[in-house]
Amino acid sequence: MSNKTKKPVLTETVKATGAIIQSRFVAYTGKQAAAGEAALGVAVYDAAAGDAVAVETLGTLLVESGGALAVGDAVAADGQGCAVKQAGTAVVIGRAMDAATAANEIIRIKMGG
């Protein structure tokens, strides 16, 4: 699917506590999510520490993949805040709605609900 459509239901504005890259997971602490960490949502745009950043928190969201994913996989954050297949004790953030064959692909995930 070349034209992926996001359908955010809820967007929050938070103060970035570290550098954040667009389409990557943002932790509840206001920084880019670390590996296995719970995420508030997905950054709408890049932000530097101290900036206000919009974070989509609920709905069908677009996120950067950190590796191969299949449709329906439970996703978690990797060390760069990208979506990877959940493993071990990593917090499940959502479910993949698109497949990814490798890192650096934009896919849809269902987050919340």
PDB file of N, CA and C in Angstrom:
ATOM      1  N   MET A   1       0.855  -1.174   0.000  1.00  0.00           N
ATOM      2  CA  MET A   1       0.000   0.000   0.000  1.00  0.00           C
ATOM      3  C   MET A   1       0.895   1.229   0.000  1.00  0.00           C
ATOM      4  N   SER A   2       0.834   2.037  -1.027  1.00  0.00           N
ATOM      5  CA  SER A   2       1.742   3.169  -1.138  1.00  0.00           C
ATOM      6  C   SER A   2       1.244   4.411  -0.410  1.00  0.00           C
ATOM      7  N   ASN A   3      -0.039   4.659  -0.403  1.00  0.00           N
ATOM      8  CA  ASN A   3      -0.583   5.827   0.276  1.00  0.00           C
ATOM      9  C   ASN A   3      -1.264   5.401   1.561  1.00  0.00           C
ATOM     10  N   LYS A   4      -0.509   5.397   2.620  1.00  0.00           N
ATOM     11  CA  LYS A   4      -1.050   4.986   3.911  1.00  0.00           C
ATOM     12  C   LYS A   4      -1.732   6.179   4.565  1.00  0.00           C
ATOM     13  N   THR A   5      -2.892   5.949   5.134  1.00  0.00           N
ATOM     14  CA  THR A   5      -3.661   7.007   5.768  1.00  0.00           C
ATOM     15  C   THR A   5      -3.691   6.797   7.267  1.00  0.00           C
ATOM     16  N   LYS A   6      -3.331   7.832   8.003  1.00  0.00           N
ATOM     17  CA  LYS A   6      -3.447   7.756   9.454  1.00  0.00           C
ATOM     18  C   LYS A   6      -4.794   8.327   9.857  1.00  0.00           C
ATOM     19  N   LYS A   7      -5.307   7.828  10.983  1.00  0.00           N
ATOM     20  CA  LYS A   7      -6.587   8.289  11.504  1.00  0.00           C
ATOM     21  C   LYS A   7      -6.449   8.485  13.010  1.00  0.00           C
ATOM     22  N   PRO A   8      -5.722   9.525  13.417  1.00  0.00           N
ATOM     23  CA  PRO A   8      -5.561   9.751  14.857  1.00  0.00           C
ATOM     24  C   PRO A   8      -6.875  10.196  15.480  1.00  0.00           C
ATOM     25  N   VAL A   9      -7.156   9.659  16.646  1.00  0.00           N
ATOM     26  CA  VAL A   9      -8.361  10.013  17.393  1.00  0.00           C
ATOM     27  C   VAL A   9      -8.032  11.044  18.462  1.00  0.00           C
ATOM     28  N   LEU A  10      -6.822  10.973  19.001  1.00  0.00           N
ATOM     29  CA  LEU A  10      -6.421  11.867  20.086  1.00  0.00           C
ATOM     30  C   LEU A  10      -4.969  12.271  19.901  1.00  0.00           C
ATOM     31  N   THR A  11      -4.700  13.565  20.018  1.00  0.00           N
ATOM     32  CA  THR A  11      -3.341  14.095  19.939  1.00  0.00           C
ATOM     33  C   THR A  11      -3.077  14.924  21.187  1.00  0.00           C
ATOM     34  N   GLU A  12      -1.945  14.668  21.825  1.00  0.00           N
ATOM     35  CA  GLU A  12      -1.522  15.410  23.016  1.00  0.00           C
ATOM     36  C   GLU A  12      -0.296  16.245  22.657  1.00  0.00           C
ATOM     37  N   THR A  13      -0.124  17.373  23.316  1.00  0.00           N
ATOM     38  CA  THR A  13       1.084  18.170  23.169  1.00  0.00           C
ATOM     39  C   THR A  13       1.906  18.009  24.431  1.00  0.00           C
ATOM     40  N   VAL A  14       3.185  17.648  24.257  1.00  0.00           N
ATOM     41  CA  VAL A  14       4.079  17.466  25.399  1.00  0.00           C
ATOM     42  C   VAL A  14       5.349  18.269  25.167  1.00  0.00           C
ATOM     43  N   LYS A  15       6.066  18.553  26.251  1.00  0.00           N
ATOM     44  CA  LYS A  15       7.362  19.214  26.158  1.00  0.00           C
ATOM     45  C   LYS A  15       8.423  18.134  25.981  1.00  0.00           C
ATOM     46  N   ALA A  16       9.175  18.224  24.899  1.00  0.00           N
ATOM     47  CA  ALA A  16      10.221  17.239  24.628  1.00  0.00           C
ATOM     48  C   ALA A  16      11.344  17.379  25.650  1.00  0.00           C
ATOM     49  N   THR A  17      11.749  16.258  26.225  1.00  0.00           N
ATOM     50  CA  THR A  17      12.862  16.256  27.176  1.00  0.00           C
ATOM     51  C   THR A  17      14.139  15.738  26.517  1.00  0.00           C
ATOM     52  N   GLY A  18      14.064  15.453  25.234  1.00  0.00           N
ATOM     53  CA  GLY A  18      15.203  15.000  24.440  1.00  0.00           C
ATOM     54  C   GLY A  18      14.826  15.093  22.977  1.00  0.00           C
ATOM     55  N   ALA A  19      15.771  14.835  22.106  1.00  0.00           N
ATOM     56  CA  ALA A  19      15.498  14.877  20.666  1.00  0.00           C
ATOM     57  C   ALA A  19      14.487  13.794  20.290  1.00  0.00           C
ATOM     58  N   ILE A  20      13.537  14.172  19.444  1.00  0.00           N
ATOM     59  CA  ILE A  20      12.483  13.259  18.991  1.00  0.00           C
ATOM     60  C   ILE A  20      12.416  13.338  17.471  1.00  0.00           C
ATOM     61  N   ILE A  21      12.298  12.183  16.841  1.00  0.00           N
ATOM     62  CA  ILE A  21      12.205  12.108  15.386  1.00  0.00           C
ATOM     63  C   ILE A  21      10.770  11.772  14.983  1.00  0.00           C
ATOM     64  N   GLN A  22      10.286  12.473  13.961  1.00  0.00           N
ATOM     65  CA  GLN A  22       8.936  12.255  13.431  1.00  0.00           C
ATOM     66  C   GLN A  22       8.690  10.782  13.143  1.00  0.00           C
ATOM     67  N   SER A  23       7.479  10.338  13.422  1.00  0.00           N
ATOM     68  CA  SER A  23       7.003   8.975  13.146  1.00  0.00           C
ATOM     69  C   SER A  23       7.673   7.912  14.004  1.00  0.00           C
ATOM     70  N   ARG A  24       8.234   8.330  15.139  1.00  0.00           N
ATOM     71  CA  ARG A  24       8.791   7.374  16.102  1.00  0.00           C
ATOM     72  C   ARG A  24       8.034   7.500  17.419  1.00  0.00           C
ATOM     73  N   PHE A  25       8.117   6.441  18.232  1.00  0.00           N
ATOM     74  CA  PHE A  25       7.402   6.417  19.501  1.00  0.00           C
ATOM     75  C   PHE A  25       7.995   7.414  20.494  1.00  0.00           C
ATOM     76  N   VAL A  26       7.104   8.057  21.254  1.00  0.00           N
ATOM     77  CA  VAL A  26       7.484   9.001  22.302  1.00  0.00           C
ATOM     78  C   VAL A  26       7.068   8.408  23.642  1.00  0.00           C
ATOM     79  N   ALA A  27       7.998   8.369  24.577  1.00  0.00           N
ATOM     80  CA  ALA A  27       7.733   7.840  25.916  1.00  0.00           C
ATOM     81  C   ALA A  27       6.917   8.838  26.733  1.00  0.00           C
ATOM     82  N   TYR A  28       6.341   8.367  27.812  1.00  0.00           N
ATOM     83  CA  TYR A  28       5.570   9.229  28.709  1.00  0.00           C
ATOM     84  C   TYR A  28       6.438  10.316  29.329  1.00  0.00           C
ATOM     85  N   THR A  29       7.745  10.134  29.322  1.00  0.00           N
ATOM     86  CA  THR A  29       8.679  11.103  29.898  1.00  0.00           C
ATOM     87  C   THR A  29       9.002  12.250  28.950  1.00  0.00           C
ATOM     88  N   GLY A  30       8.483  12.210  27.716  1.00  0.00           N
ATOM     89  CA  GLY A  30       8.704  13.292  26.765  1.00  0.00           C
ATOM     90  C   GLY A  30       9.925  13.114  25.887  1.00  0.00           C
ATOM     91  N   LYS A  31      10.545  11.955  25.947  1.00  0.00           N
ATOM     92  CA  LYS A  31      11.699  11.670  25.076  1.00  0.00           C
ATOM     93  C   LYS A  31      11.324  10.555  24.108  1.00  0.00           C
ATOM     94  N   GLN A  32      12.177  10.347  23.120  1.00  0.00           N
ATOM     95  CA  GLN A  32      11.950   9.230  22.209  1.00  0.00           C
ATOM     96  C   GLN A  32      11.984   7.941  23.016  1.00  0.00           C
ATOM     97  N   ALA A  33      11.051   7.041  22.766  1.00  0.00           N
ATOM     98  CA  ALA A  33      10.956   5.803  23.542  1.00  0.00           C
ATOM     99  C   ALA A  33      12.203   4.947  23.370  1.00  0.00           C
ATOM    100  N   ALA A  34      12.614   4.316  24.457  1.00  0.00           N
ATOM    101  CA  ALA A  34      13.743   3.387  24.454  1.00  0.00           C
ATOM    102  C   ALA A  34      13.224   1.973  24.210  1.00  0.00           C
ATOM    103  N   ALA A  35      14.127   1.049  24.005  1.00  0.00           N
ATOM    104  CA  ALA A  35      13.762  -0.344  23.728  1.00  0.00           C
ATOM    105  C   ALA A  35      12.863  -0.913  24.812  1.00  0.00           C
ATOM    106  N   GLY A  36      11.694  -1.423  24.403  1.00  0.00           N
ATOM    107  CA  GLY A  36      10.774  -2.084  25.316  1.00  0.00           C
ATOM    108  C   GLY A  36       9.962  -1.176  26.205  1.00  0.00           C
ATOM    109  N   GLU A  37      10.166   0.132  26.113  1.00  0.00           N
ATOM    110  CA  GLU A  37       9.509   1.104  26.992  1.00  0.00           C
ATOM    111  C   GLU A  37       8.068   1.386  26.547  1.00  0.00           C
ATOM    112  N   ALA A  38       7.217   1.720  27.505  1.00  0.00           N
ATOM    113  CA  ALA A  38       5.851   2.140  27.190  1.00  0.00           C
ATOM    114  C   ALA A  38       5.896   3.460  26.428  1.00  0.00           C
ATOM    115  N   ALA A  39       4.969   3.646  25.508  1.00  0.00           N
ATOM    116  CA  ALA A  39       4.936   4.866  24.708  1.00  0.00           C
ATOM    117  C   ALA A  39       3.606   5.582  24.865  1.00  0.00           C
ATOM    118  N   LEU A  40       3.684   6.905  24.960  1.00  0.00           N
ATOM    119  CA  LEU A  40       2.499   7.751  24.960  1.00  0.00           C
ATOM    120  C   LEU A  40       1.865   7.726  23.575  1.00  0.00           C
ATOM    121  N   GLY A  41       2.703   7.749  22.537  1.00  0.00           N
ATOM    122  CA  GLY A  41       2.199   7.762  21.171  1.00  0.00           C
ATOM    123  C   GLY A  41       3.314   7.953  20.171  1.00  0.00           C
ATOM    124  N   VAL A  42       2.959   8.545  19.010  1.00  0.00           N
ATOM    125  CA  VAL A  42       3.883   8.717  17.895  1.00  0.00           C
ATOM    126  C   VAL A  42       4.045  10.208  17.609  1.00  0.00           C
ATOM    127  N   ALA A  43       5.296  10.652  17.431  1.00  0.00           N
ATOM    128  CA  ALA A  43       5.587  12.063  17.158  1.00  0.00           C
ATOM    129  C   ALA A  43       5.069  12.468  15.779  1.00  0.00           C
ATOM    130  N   VAL A  44       4.410  13.620  15.724  1.00  0.00           N
ATOM    131  CA  VAL A  44       3.878  14.138  14.465  1.00  0.00           C
ATOM    132  C   VAL A  44       4.989  14.807  13.649  1.00  0.00           C
ATOM    133  N   TYR A  45       6.008  15.345  14.323  1.00  0.00           N
ATOM    134  CA  TYR A  45       7.131  16.018  13.656  1.00  0.00           C
ATOM    135  C   TYR A  45       8.363  15.935  14.546  1.00  0.00           C
ATOM    136  N   ASP A  46       9.521  16.282  13.994  1.00  0.00           N
ATOM    137  CA  ASP A  46      10.767  16.298  14.759  1.00  0.00           C
ATOM    138  C   ASP A  46      10.697  17.374  15.838  1.00  0.00           C
ATOM    139  N   ALA A  47      11.393  17.138  16.943  1.00  0.00           N
ATOM    140  CA  ALA A  47      11.453  18.128  18.020  1.00  0.00           C
ATOM    141  C   ALA A  47      12.792  18.019  18.738  1.00  0.00           C
ATOM    142  N   ALA A  48      13.267  19.149  19.240  1.00  0.00           N
ATOM    143  CA  ALA A  48      14.474  19.194  20.068  1.00  0.00           C
ATOM    144  C   ALA A  48      14.047  19.304  21.524  1.00  0.00           C
ATOM    145  N   ALA A  49      14.951  19.005  22.426  1.00  0.00           N
ATOM    146  CA  ALA A  49      14.654  19.141  23.859  1.00  0.00           C
ATOM    147  C   ALA A  49      14.154  20.551  24.136  1.00  0.00           C
ATOM    148  N   GLY A  50      13.066  20.645  24.881  1.00  0.00           N
ATOM    149  CA  GLY A  50      12.468  21.926  25.225  1.00  0.00           C
ATOM    150  C   GLY A  50      11.347  22.362  24.307  1.00  0.00           C
ATOM    151  N   ASP A  51      11.260  21.771  23.114  1.00  0.00           N
ATOM    152  CA  ASP A  51      10.192  22.106  22.168  1.00  0.00           C
ATOM    153  C   ASP A  51       8.876  21.466  22.587  1.00  0.00           C
ATOM    154  N   ALA A  52       7.777  22.094  22.197  1.00  0.00           N
ATOM    155  CA  ALA A  52       6.467  21.456  22.303  1.00  0.00           C
ATOM    156  C   ALA A  52       6.327  20.557  21.080  1.00  0.00           C
ATOM    157  N   VAL A  53       5.824  19.345  21.289  1.00  0.00           N
ATOM    158  CA  VAL A  53       5.666  18.406  20.179  1.00  0.00           C
ATOM    159  C   VAL A  53       4.298  17.736  20.269  1.00  0.00           C
ATOM    160  N   ALA A  54       3.634  17.613  19.127  1.00  0.00           N
ATOM    161  CA  ALA A  54       2.349  16.920  19.062  1.00  0.00           C
ATOM    162  C   ALA A  54       2.615  15.418  18.989  1.00  0.00           C
ATOM    163  N   VAL A  55       1.888  14.669  19.819  1.00  0.00           N
ATOM    164  CA  VAL A  55       2.039  13.218  19.886  1.00  0.00           C
ATOM    165  C   VAL A  55       0.663  12.584  19.697  1.00  0.00           C
ATOM    166  N   GLU A  56       0.508  11.815  18.626  1.00  0.00           N
ATOM    167  CA  GLU A  56      -0.751  11.103  18.394  1.00  0.00           C
ATOM    168  C   GLU A  56      -0.772   9.887  19.305  1.00  0.00           C
ATOM    169  N   THR A  57      -1.854   9.752  20.079  1.00  0.00           N
ATOM    170  CA  THR A  57      -1.881   8.747  21.142  1.00  0.00           C
ATOM    171  C   THR A  57      -2.914   7.642  20.961  1.00  0.00           C
ATOM    172  N   LEU A  58      -3.818   7.796  20.020  1.00  0.00           N
ATOM    173  CA  LEU A  58      -4.908   6.840  19.874  1.00  0.00           C
ATOM    174  C   LEU A  58      -5.365   6.814  18.429  1.00  0.00           C
ATOM    175  N   GLY A  59      -5.598   5.625  17.893  1.00  0.00           N
ATOM    176  CA  GLY A  59      -6.128   5.495  16.547  1.00  0.00           C
ATOM    177  C   GLY A  59      -5.215   4.705  15.640  1.00  0.00           C
ATOM    178  N   THR A  60      -5.373   4.927  14.333  1.00  0.00           N
ATOM    179  CA  THR A  60      -4.503   4.335  13.324  1.00  0.00           C
ATOM    180  C   THR A  60      -3.405   5.347  13.048  1.00  0.00           C
ATOM    181  N   LEU A  61      -2.170   4.978  13.409  1.00  0.00           N
ATOM    182  CA  LEU A  61      -1.056   5.917  13.367  1.00  0.00           C
ATOM    183  C   LEU A  61       0.034   5.415  12.433  1.00  0.00           C
ATOM    184  N   LEU A  62       0.833   6.340  11.903  1.00  0.00           N
ATOM    185  CA  LEU A  62       1.959   5.992  11.039  1.00  0.00           C
ATOM    186  C   LEU A  62       3.239   6.025  11.855  1.00  0.00           C
ATOM    187  N   VAL A  63       4.001   4.931  11.803  1.00  0.00           N
ATOM    188  CA  VAL A  63       5.233   4.820  12.581  1.00  0.00           C
ATOM    189  C   VAL A  63       6.317   4.182  11.721  1.00  0.00           C
ATOM    190  N   GLU A  64       7.559   4.538  12.006  1.00  0.00           N
ATOM    191  CA  GLU A  64       8.701   3.973  11.291  1.00  0.00           C
ATOM    192  C   GLU A  64       9.033   2.588  11.838  1.00  0.00           C
ATOM    193  N   SER A  65       9.241   1.639  10.941  1.00  0.00           N
ATOM    194  CA  SER A  65       9.601   0.283  11.371  1.00  0.00           C
ATOM    195  C   SER A  65      11.086   0.213  11.716  1.00  0.00           C
ATOM    196  N   GLY A  66      11.386  -0.679  12.661  1.00  0.00           N
ATOM    197  CA  GLY A  66      12.774  -0.928  13.027  1.00  0.00           C
ATOM    198  C   GLY A  66      13.256  -2.268  12.517  1.00  0.00           C
ATOM    199  N   GLY A  67      12.406  -2.975  11.778  1.00  0.00           N
ATOM    200  CA  GLY A  67      12.730  -4.297  11.244  1.00  0.00           C
ATOM    201  C   GLY A  67      11.505  -4.887  10.586  1.00  0.00           C
ATOM    202  N   ALA A  68      11.606  -6.140  10.210  1.00  0.00           N
ATOM    203  CA  ALA A  68      10.494  -6.818   9.544  1.00  0.00           C
ATOM    204  C   ALA A  68       9.323  -7.017  10.507  1.00  0.00           C
ATOM    205  N   LEU A  69       8.121  -6.785  10.001  1.00  0.00           N
ATOM    206  CA  LEU A  69       6.884  -6.976  10.763  1.00  0.00           C
ATOM    207  C   LEU A  69       5.841  -7.597   9.843  1.00  0.00           C
ATOM    208  N   ALA A  70       4.958  -8.406  10.422  1.00  0.00           N
ATOM    209  CA  ALA A  70       3.826  -8.966   9.692  1.00  0.00           C
ATOM    210  C   ALA A  70       2.553  -8.278  10.159  1.00  0.00           C
ATOM    211  N   VAL A  71       1.552  -8.248   9.303  1.00  0.00           N
ATOM    212  CA  VAL A  71       0.255  -7.699   9.682  1.00  0.00           C
ATOM    213  C   VAL A  71      -0.237  -8.450  10.920  1.00  0.00           C
ATOM    214  N   GLY A  72      -0.679  -7.716  11.923  1.00  0.00           N
ATOM    215  CA  GLY A  72      -1.200  -8.306  13.148  1.00  0.00           C
ATOM    216  C   GLY A  72      -0.182  -8.492  14.250  1.00  0.00           C
ATOM    217  N   ASP A  73       1.109  -8.323  13.941  1.00  0.00           N
ATOM    218  CA  ASP A  73       2.131  -8.455  14.988  1.00  0.00           C
ATOM    219  C   ASP A  73       1.914  -7.433  16.094  1.00  0.00           C
ATOM    220  N   ALA A  74       2.133  -7.862  17.331  1.00  0.00           N
ATOM    221  CA  ALA A  74       2.203  -6.924  18.450  1.00  0.00           C
ATOM    222  C   ALA A  74       3.503  -6.155  18.288  1.00  0.00           C
ATOM    223  N   VAL A  75       3.445  -4.829  18.412  1.00  0.00           N
ATOM    224  CA  VAL A  75       4.645  -4.020  18.231  1.00  0.00           C
ATOM    225  C   VAL A  75       5.090  -3.378  19.535  1.00  0.00           C
ATOM    226  N   ALA A  76       6.398  -3.192  19.618  1.00  0.00           N
ATOM    227  CA  ALA A  76       7.045  -2.539  20.754  1.00  0.00           C
ATOM    228  C   ALA A  76       8.068  -1.563  20.182  1.00  0.00           C
ATOM    229  N   ALA A  77       8.655  -0.750  21.048  1.00  0.00           N
ATOM    230  CA  ALA A  77       9.695   0.192  20.624  1.00  0.00           C
ATOM    231  C   ALA A  77      11.059  -0.483  20.642  1.00  0.00           C
ATOM    232  N   ASP A  78      11.891  -0.129  19.651  1.00  0.00           N
ATOM    233  CA  ASP A  78      13.287  -0.561  19.696  1.00  0.00           C
ATOM    234  C   ASP A  78      14.121   0.573  20.303  1.00  0.00           C
ATOM    235  N   GLY A  79      15.417   0.462  20.271  1.00  0.00           N
ATOM    236  CA  GLY A  79      16.298   1.454  20.882  1.00  0.00           C
ATOM    237  C   GLY A  79      16.277   2.819  20.224  1.00  0.00           C
ATOM    238  N   GLN A  80      15.687   2.925  19.028  1.00  0.00           N
ATOM    239  CA  GLN A  80      15.571   4.210  18.332  1.00  0.00           C
ATOM    240  C   GLN A  80      14.131   4.725  18.303  1.00  0.00           C
ATOM    241  N   GLY A  81      13.236   4.068  19.033  1.00  0.00           N
ATOM    242  CA  GLY A  81      11.842   4.494  19.055  1.00  0.00           C
ATOM    243  C   GLY A  81      11.031   4.022  17.864  1.00  0.00           C
ATOM    244  N   CYS A  82      11.573   3.081  17.101  1.00  0.00           N
ATOM    245  CA  CYS A  82      10.868   2.530  15.936  1.00  0.00           C
ATOM    246  C   CYS A  82      10.061   1.296  16.345  1.00  0.00           C
ATOM    247  N   ALA A  83       9.131   0.906  15.486  1.00  0.00           N
ATOM    248  CA  ALA A  83       8.271  -0.252  15.755  1.00  0.00           C
ATOM    249  C   ALA A  83       8.965  -1.552  15.368  1.00  0.00           C
ATOM    250  N   VAL A  84       9.024  -2.478  16.319  1.00  0.00           N
ATOM    251  CA  VAL A  84       9.554  -3.821  16.077  1.00  0.00           C
ATOM    252  C   VAL A  84       8.587  -4.829  16.675  1.00  0.00           C
ATOM    253  N   LYS A  85       8.739  -6.091  16.280  1.00  0.00           N
ATOM    254  CA  LYS A  85       7.895  -7.144  16.837  1.00  0.00           C
ATOM    255  C   LYS A  85       8.180  -7.276  18.331  1.00  0.00           C
ATOM    256  N   GLN A  86       7.117  -7.280  19.131  1.00  0.00           N
ATOM    257  CA  GLN A  86       7.254  -7.384  20.581  1.00  0.00           C
ATOM    258  C   GLN A  86       7.852  -8.727  20.952  1.00  0.00           C
ATOM    259  N   ALA A  87       8.766  -8.707  21.905  1.00  0.00           N
ATOM    260  CA  ALA A  87       9.391  -9.937  22.403  1.00  0.00           C
ATOM    261  C   ALA A  87       9.684  -9.771  23.887  1.00  0.00           C
ATOM    262  N   GLY A  88       9.712 -10.879  24.591  1.00  0.00           N
ATOM    263  CA  GLY A  88      10.080 -10.863  26.009  1.00  0.00           C
ATOM    264  C   GLY A  88       9.175  -9.978  26.842  1.00  0.00           C
ATOM    265  N   THR A  89       9.786  -9.111  27.635  1.00  0.00           N
ATOM    266  CA  THR A  89       9.031  -8.245  28.549  1.00  0.00           C
ATOM    267  C   THR A  89       8.764  -6.857  27.973  1.00  0.00           C
ATOM    268  N   ALA A  90       9.084  -6.642  26.702  1.00  0.00           N
ATOM    269  CA  ALA A  90       8.830  -5.342  26.075  1.00  0.00           C
ATOM    270  C   ALA A  90       7.335  -5.029  26.116  1.00  0.00           C
ATOM    271  N   VAL A  91       7.008  -3.779  26.386  1.00  0.00           N
ATOM    272  CA  VAL A  91       5.612  -3.338  26.469  1.00  0.00           C
ATOM    273  C   VAL A  91       4.993  -3.315  25.072  1.00  0.00           C
ATOM    274  N   VAL A  92       3.822  -3.940  24.923  1.00  0.00           N
ATOM    275  CA  VAL A  92       3.089  -3.901  23.652  1.00  0.00           C
ATOM    276  C   VAL A  92       2.473  -2.514  23.502  1.00  0.00           C
ATOM    277  N   ILE A  93       2.800  -1.842  22.395  1.00  0.00           N
ATOM    278  CA  ILE A  93       2.297  -0.495  22.145  1.00  0.00           C
ATOM    279  C   ILE A  93       1.085  -0.527  21.221  1.00  0.00           C
ATOM    280  N   GLY A  94       1.044  -1.472  20.303  1.00  0.00           N
ATOM    281  CA  GLY A  94      -0.062  -1.564  19.362  1.00  0.00           C
ATOM    282  C   GLY A  94       0.083  -2.790  18.488  1.00  0.00           C
ATOM    283  N   ARG A  95      -0.670  -2.809  17.384  1.00  0.00           N
ATOM    284  CA  ARG A  95      -0.654  -3.927  16.433  1.00  0.00           C
ATOM    285  C   ARG A  95      -0.370  -3.396  15.032  1.00  0.00           C
ATOM    286  N   ALA A  96       0.474  -4.106  14.290  1.00  0.00           N
ATOM    287  CA  ALA A  96       0.809  -3.716  12.919  1.00  0.00           C
ATOM    288  C   ALA A  96      -0.391  -3.928  12.004  1.00  0.00           C
ATOM    289  N   MET A  97      -0.708  -2.920  11.218  1.00  0.00           N
ATOM    290  CA  MET A  97      -1.769  -3.023  10.220  1.00  0.00           C
ATOM    291  C   MET A  97      -1.193  -3.201   8.818  1.00  0.00           C
ATOM    292  N   ASP A  98       0.112  -3.008   8.689  1.00  0.00           N
ATOM    293  CA  ASP A  98       0.827  -3.226   7.436  1.00  0.00           C
ATOM    294  C   ASP A  98       2.041  -4.087   7.740  1.00  0.00           C
ATOM    295  N   ALA A  99       2.532  -4.772   6.730  1.00  0.00           N
ATOM    296  CA  ALA A  99       3.784  -5.516   6.864  1.00  0.00           C
ATOM    297  C   ALA A  99       4.949  -4.586   6.540  1.00  0.00           C
ATOM    298  N   ALA A 100       6.096  -4.869   7.135  1.00  0.00           N
ATOM    299  CA  ALA A 100       7.350  -4.187   6.804  1.00  0.00           C
ATOM    300  C   ALA A 100       8.367  -5.273   6.493  1.00  0.00           C
ATOM    301  N   THR A 101       9.151  -5.077   5.449  1.00  0.00           N
ATOM    302  CA  THR A 101      10.166  -6.068   5.096  1.00  0.00           C
ATOM    303  C   THR A 101      11.508  -5.767   5.743  1.00  0.00           C
ATOM    304  N   ALA A 102      11.681  -4.532   6.220  1.00  0.00           N
ATOM    305  CA  ALA A 102      12.950  -4.111   6.818  1.00  0.00           C
ATOM    306  C   ALA A 102      12.725  -2.847   7.641  1.00  0.00           C
ATOM    307  N   ALA A 103      13.800  -2.332   8.198  1.00  0.00           N
ATOM    308  CA  ALA A 103      13.743  -1.070   8.942  1.00  0.00           C
ATOM    309  C   ALA A 103      13.500   0.095   7.984  1.00  0.00           C
ATOM    310  N   ASN A 104      13.104   1.223   8.559  1.00  0.00           N
ATOM    311  CA  ASN A 104      12.935   2.496   7.842  1.00  0.00           C
ATOM    312  C   ASN A 104      11.746   2.534   6.890  1.00  0.00           C
ATOM    313  N   GLU A 105      10.747   1.684   7.119  1.00  0.00           N
ATOM    314  CA  GLU A 105       9.511   1.745   6.345  1.00  0.00           C
ATOM    315  C   GLU A 105       8.436   2.384   7.221  1.00  0.00           C
ATOM    316  N   ILE A 106       7.550   3.154   6.619  1.00  0.00           N
ATOM    317  CA  ILE A 106       6.428   3.739   7.357  1.00  0.00           C
ATOM    318  C   ILE A 106       5.248   2.777   7.237  1.00  0.00           C
ATOM    319  N   ILE A 107       4.749   2.346   8.391  1.00  0.00           N
ATOM    320  CA  ILE A 107       3.617   1.416   8.433  1.00  0.00           C
ATOM    321  C   ILE A 107       2.521   1.991   9.316  1.00  0.00           C
ATOM    322  N   ARG A 108       1.324   1.437   9.156  1.00  0.00           N
ATOM    323  CA  ARG A 108       0.213   1.805  10.032  1.00  0.00           C
ATOM    324  C   ARG A 108       0.187   0.846  11.214  1.00  0.00           C
ATOM    325  N   ILE A 109      -0.085   1.398  12.390  1.00  0.00           N
ATOM    326  CA  ILE A 109      -0.348   0.570  13.564  1.00  0.00           C
ATOM    327  C   ILE A 109      -1.666   1.005  14.176  1.00  0.00           C
ATOM    328  N   LYS A 110      -2.303   0.097  14.864  1.00  0.00           N
ATOM    329  CA  LYS A 110      -3.499   0.407  15.658  1.00  0.00           C
ATOM    330  C   LYS A 110      -3.004   0.562  17.085  1.00  0.00           C
ATOM    331  N   MET A 111      -3.214   1.746  17.655  1.00  0.00           N
ATOM    332  CA  MET A 111      -2.758   2.017  19.013  1.00  0.00           C
ATOM    333  C   MET A 111      -3.952   2.343  19.890  1.00  0.00           C
ATOM    334  N   GLY A 112      -4.084   1.621  21.005  1.00  0.00           N
ATOM    335  CA  GLY A 112      -5.169   1.860  21.947  1.00  0.00           C
ATOM    336  C   GLY A 112      -6.473   1.274  21.452  1.00  0.00           C
ATOM    337  N   GLY A 113      -7.106   0.477  22.285  1.00  0.00           N
ATOM    338  CA  GLY A 113      -8.404  -0.067  21.924  1.00  0.00           C
ATOM    339  C   GLY A 113      -8.374  -1.201  21.037  1.00  0.00           C
TER     340      GLY A 113
END
